[in-house]
Structures are given as structure tokens and as C-alpha cells.
Amino acid sequence: MTKGGKLIIFSAPSGSGKTTIVRHLLQQPELNLAFSVSATSRAPRGEEKDGINYYFISAEEFKKHIKQNDFLEWEEVYRDNFYGTLNSEVERLWAEGKNVIFDIDVVGGLRIKKKYPEQTLAVFVKPPSVDELKIRLKKRSTESEDKINMRIAKASVELATAPQFDKIIKNYDLDTALQEAHRMVADYVGVTASIDSDKE
């Protein structure tokens, strides 16, 4: 892959609020961010749209891409349930002169960091507690009790990887977490954040 802009990774257990943080950062024009849409072999949920939320492809197609080394990173999260980042997606956004932001699971985030250590900022979003995570996941009501329990079990493992990231944001209070993330990314891409400018 050709080298381009910077890569900013937000990883966290499901329900930690990373998606909310990433959406907020994408709305800050001075950061010049573009969202890296992941590919997945799972079916769309709710209002999800192909090419916006994910690139929805079949497990067979996904395996074909793996064989062709088309992924920057990929993972089989559950049996025949794949997620990954296509090299072509990152190259497309770099060609537009953008810094690429990822909302990605912990394993994927660390793999990207390993491939591009010099141009990646990897941020881990920490939930207040595993109990709080469970409450947030239940509120979503998009998944079965079994699936939620699987996510909670996975969360405990993911939380242990936090020290491998460059930065950790504790999402106890969303507004504070959003401001902290904004400052962190602005600092990394070399611009002044429009919030709290007196602290820059």
C-alpha cells in the first residue's frame, strides 16, 4: 500500500461509545477526517446501508479477498462472521488527501498499528465498567441475550489490551470524552481544535 495521510484508530469493547466519538470527530472540518468503511460477512442490521455502514459481502467473497491479500487487517470474530479493512478503502481516502479514522475492534486496531506504527494513533475507549456495558448493550435491543453475553465475555478480554494502545479515553461522561478525543486527534494531525482553544 502506498503511504498517505495519518491513520486514527478508535477501538473498544462493543457499547463503549467509540462509534459516537468517531461520528463527533468526523463532524470537525479542521481534522480533515474520512471514515474507513469496514467489510463484513454478516447481514445488515436495522437501518444499516451497504457502502455507508459496512461493505456487506458474503463469507465466500470475504475468503477470496483474504487469499488475494486485499485486507489491511481482517478477523473471523465468530464462526463465518468476518470483519476487515480493505486496502483499497484506505488508499481511496488517502488519494482524497484525508486522514483516515477507524471505528474498529481491538484486534484489528492493533494490527493496523503494527503495520503502520509511524503514522497511526491508536486510541482505546474504556467504558465505566463491564456492568455498564451490559446495560448499554441491552438498551440497544438489537441483539439476543446470548449475543450480548458473548460480547460481554469478549469485552473482558479486550479491556486487558488497553495498555497496548497509544492513548486511553475513559468514557464515563460523554461530553468530556468527546472533548478529550477532539483535542487528542487535533494534536496528532497538527491542527488547533476549535474547542477549548485557550488550553492549546
Protein backbone atom coordinates (compact mmCIF):
# COMPACT_ATOMS: atom_id res chain seq x y z
CA MET A 1 0.00 0.00 0.00
CA THR A 2 1.21 3.49 -0.79
CA LYS A 3 1.74 5.75 2.19
CA GLY A 4 -0.56 8.69 2.56
CA GLY A 5 -2.13 10.63 5.43
CA LYS A 6 -2.47 9.64 9.05
CA LEU A 7 -4.48 6.76 10.48
CA ILE A 8 -6.54 7.30 13.62
CA ILE A 9 -7.94 4.20 15.29
CA PHE A 10 -10.69 4.07 17.89
CA SER A 11 -11.11 0.63 19.42
CA ALA A 12 -13.17 -0.55 22.36
CA PRO A 13 -15.50 -3.27 23.53
CA SER A 14 -18.94 -3.07 21.92
CA GLY A 15 -21.09 -0.48 23.73
CA SER A 16 -18.20 1.70 24.99
CA GLY A 17 -19.26 4.69 22.89
CA LYS A 18 -16.49 4.62 20.29
CA THR A 19 -18.94 4.99 17.40
CA THR A 20 -20.44 8.13 18.97
CA ILE A 21 -16.94 9.58 19.44
CA VAL A 22 -15.91 8.80 15.85
CA ARG A 23 -19.12 10.37 14.47
CA HIS A 24 -18.43 13.51 16.50
CA LEU A 25 -14.85 13.77 15.21
CA LEU A 26 -15.96 13.34 11.60
CA GLN A 27 -18.06 16.50 12.01
CA GLN A 28 -14.98 18.61 12.85
CA PRO A 29 -13.80 20.01 9.48
CA GLU A 30 -10.37 21.12 10.69
CA LEU A 31 -9.38 17.49 11.41
CA ASN A 32 -9.79 16.56 7.70
CA LEU A 33 -11.03 13.05 8.54
CA ALA A 34 -12.68 10.43 6.39
CA PHE A 35 -14.27 7.26 7.75
CA SER A 36 -12.88 3.89 6.74
CA VAL A 37 -15.85 1.65 5.97
CA SER A 38 -15.12 -1.94 7.01
CA ALA A 39 -16.18 -5.03 5.12
CA THR A 40 -18.22 -7.71 6.90
CA SER A 41 -19.79 -11.02 6.04
CA ARG A 42 -22.71 -10.52 8.45
CA ALA A 43 -26.13 -9.38 7.32
CA PRO A 44 -27.14 -5.70 7.69
CA ARG A 45 -28.83 -4.78 10.99
CA GLY A 46 -31.72 -2.35 11.25
CA GLU A 47 -31.14 0.71 9.06
CA GLU A 48 -27.59 -0.20 8.01
CA LYS A 49 -26.71 0.52 4.39
CA ASP A 50 -24.09 -1.08 2.17
CA GLY A 51 -21.10 1.19 1.49
CA ILE A 52 -22.07 3.54 4.33
CA ASN A 53 -22.08 1.44 7.50
CA TYR A 54 -20.20 -1.53 6.04
CA TYR A 55 -19.43 -3.21 2.76
CA PHE A 56 -21.65 -6.28 3.11
CA ILE A 57 -20.12 -9.25 1.29
CA SER A 58 -20.65 -13.00 1.56
CA ALA A 59 -18.34 -15.21 3.64
CA GLU A 60 -17.18 -16.85 0.38
CA GLU A 61 -16.29 -13.50 -1.16
CA PHE A 62 -14.57 -12.47 2.05
CA LYS A 63 -12.39 -15.59 1.99
CA LYS A 64 -11.48 -14.87 -1.63
CA HIS A 65 -10.28 -11.37 -0.64
CA ILE A 66 -8.22 -12.89 2.20
CA LYS A 67 -6.48 -15.23 -0.27
CA GLN A 68 -5.70 -12.26 -2.53
CA ASN A 69 -4.21 -10.24 0.39
CA ASP A 70 -6.76 -7.49 -0.19
CA PHE A 71 -7.12 -6.68 3.51
CA LEU A 72 -5.09 -4.32 5.67
CA GLU A 73 -6.48 -6.36 8.57
CA TRP A 74 -9.24 -8.91 8.98
CA GLU A 75 -10.63 -11.19 11.63
CA GLU A 76 -13.10 -14.02 11.98
CA VAL A 77 -14.98 -12.70 15.01
CA TYR A 78 -17.37 -15.62 15.31
CA ARG A 79 -17.58 -18.65 13.01
CA ASP A 80 -18.00 -17.44 9.39
CA ASN A 81 -18.56 -13.93 10.72
CA PHE A 82 -15.72 -11.86 9.24
CA TYR A 83 -14.77 -8.21 9.57
CA GLY A 84 -11.91 -6.47 7.82
CA THR A 85 -10.46 -3.31 6.29
CA LEU A 86 -9.83 -3.39 2.55
CA ASN A 87 -6.53 -1.85 1.41
CA SER A 88 -8.45 -0.21 -1.43
CA GLU A 89 -10.65 1.68 1.06
CA VAL A 90 -7.69 3.30 2.82
CA GLU A 91 -5.93 4.07 -0.49
CA ARG A 92 -9.12 5.68 -1.83
CA LEU A 93 -9.34 8.02 1.18
CA TRP A 94 -5.62 8.81 1.16
CA ALA A 95 -5.93 9.70 -2.53
CA GLU A 96 -8.55 12.28 -1.48
CA GLY A 97 -5.93 13.80 0.86
CA LYS A 98 -7.75 12.72 4.01
CA ASN A 99 -6.65 11.39 7.39
CA VAL A 100 -8.41 8.06 7.84
CA ILE A 101 -10.38 7.32 11.02
CA PHE A 102 -11.37 3.78 12.05
CA ASP A 103 -14.11 2.55 14.36
CA ILE A 104 -12.74 -0.94 14.73
CA ASP A 105 -12.40 -3.79 17.18
CA VAL A 106 -9.31 -4.17 19.35
CA VAL A 107 -7.57 -6.91 17.35
CA GLY A 108 -8.00 -5.04 14.06
CA GLY A 109 -6.86 -1.77 15.59
CA LEU A 110 -3.65 -3.28 16.93
CA ARG A 111 -2.91 -4.98 13.58
CA ILE A 112 -3.14 -1.66 11.72
CA LYS A 113 -0.93 -0.01 14.35
CA LYS A 114 1.64 -2.77 13.84
CA LYS A 115 1.64 -2.30 10.04
CA TYR A 116 1.87 1.50 10.16
CA PRO A 117 3.45 2.34 13.53
CA GLU A 118 4.78 5.72 12.37
CA GLN A 119 1.51 7.13 11.07
CA THR A 120 -1.08 5.62 13.38
CA LEU A 121 -2.65 6.98 16.55
CA ALA A 122 -4.41 4.11 18.34
CA VAL A 123 -6.97 5.15 20.97
CA PHE A 124 -8.74 2.77 23.34
CA VAL A 125 -12.14 3.84 24.68
CA LYS A 126 -12.75 2.47 28.15
CA PRO A 127 -16.32 2.02 29.46
CA PRO A 128 -17.06 2.86 33.11
CA SER A 129 -17.44 -0.87 33.89
CA VAL A 130 -18.44 -4.19 32.37
CA ASP A 131 -21.82 -3.89 34.15
CA GLU A 132 -22.42 -0.53 32.49
CA LEU A 133 -21.53 -2.11 29.13
CA LYS A 134 -24.18 -4.76 29.66
CA ILE A 135 -26.80 -2.08 30.38
CA ARG A 136 -25.83 -0.14 27.23
CA LEU A 137 -25.95 -3.24 25.03
CA LYS A 138 -29.37 -4.21 26.40
CA LYS A 139 -30.69 -0.69 25.72
CA ARG A 140 -29.75 -1.07 22.06
CA SER A 141 -32.12 -4.06 21.87
CA THR A 142 -30.63 -5.16 18.54
CA GLU A 143 -29.30 -8.49 19.80
CA SER A 144 -30.32 -11.57 21.73
CA GLU A 145 -29.35 -12.20 25.36
CA ASP A 146 -26.88 -14.88 24.16
CA LYS A 147 -25.18 -12.47 21.75
CA ILE A 148 -24.95 -9.82 24.50
CA ASN A 149 -23.34 -12.34 26.86
CA MET A 150 -20.84 -13.27 24.15
CA ARG A 151 -19.98 -9.59 23.74
CA ILE A 152 -19.55 -9.14 27.50
CA ALA A 153 -17.20 -12.14 27.69
CA LYS A 154 -15.22 -10.68 24.78
CA ALA A 155 -15.16 -7.25 26.48
CA SER A 156 -13.26 -8.56 29.50
CA VAL A 157 -10.54 -9.89 27.18
CA GLU A 158 -10.49 -6.66 25.15
CA LEU A 159 -10.15 -4.45 28.23
CA ALA A 160 -6.88 -6.23 29.04
CA THR A 161 -5.37 -4.95 25.75
CA ALA A 162 -5.86 -1.25 26.64
CA PRO A 163 -2.17 -0.71 27.63
CA GLN A 164 -1.07 -1.67 24.07
CA PHE A 165 -2.77 1.46 22.69
CA ASP A 166 -1.17 4.91 22.42
CA LYS A 167 -3.92 6.63 24.38
CA ILE A 168 -6.84 5.64 26.59
CA ILE A 169 -10.04 7.66 26.91
CA LYS A 170 -12.30 6.82 29.84
CA ASN A 171 -15.86 7.30 28.63
CA TYR A 172 -17.55 7.95 31.99
CA ASP A 173 -19.03 11.21 30.80
CA LEU A 174 -19.68 11.52 27.06
CA ASP A 175 -19.10 15.28 26.70
CA THR A 176 -15.74 15.03 28.45
CA ALA A 177 -14.77 12.01 26.33
CA LEU A 178 -15.73 13.88 23.11
CA GLN A 179 -13.63 16.90 24.06
CA GLU A 180 -10.69 14.74 25.06
CA ALA A 181 -10.87 12.80 21.78
CA HIS A 182 -11.11 16.02 19.76
CA ARG A 183 -8.02 17.50 21.45
CA MET A 184 -6.08 14.26 21.08
CA VAL A 185 -6.77 13.93 17.34
CA ALA A 186 -6.24 17.64 16.63
CA ASP A 187 -2.89 17.43 18.37
CA TYR A 188 -1.95 14.33 16.37
CA VAL A 189 -2.87 15.73 12.95
CA GLY A 190 -1.25 19.05 13.84
CA VAL A 191 -4.20 21.45 13.96
CA THR A 192 -5.75 23.53 16.71
CA ALA A 193 -9.01 22.10 17.99
CA SER A 194 -11.83 24.63 17.83
CA ILE A 195 -12.89 23.67 21.36
CA ASP A 196 -11.00 24.76 24.47
CA SER A 197 -8.61 26.71 22.27
CA ASP A 198 -7.26 28.53 25.33
CA LYS A 199 -5.80 25.23 26.53
CA GLU A 200 -3.88 24.52 23.32
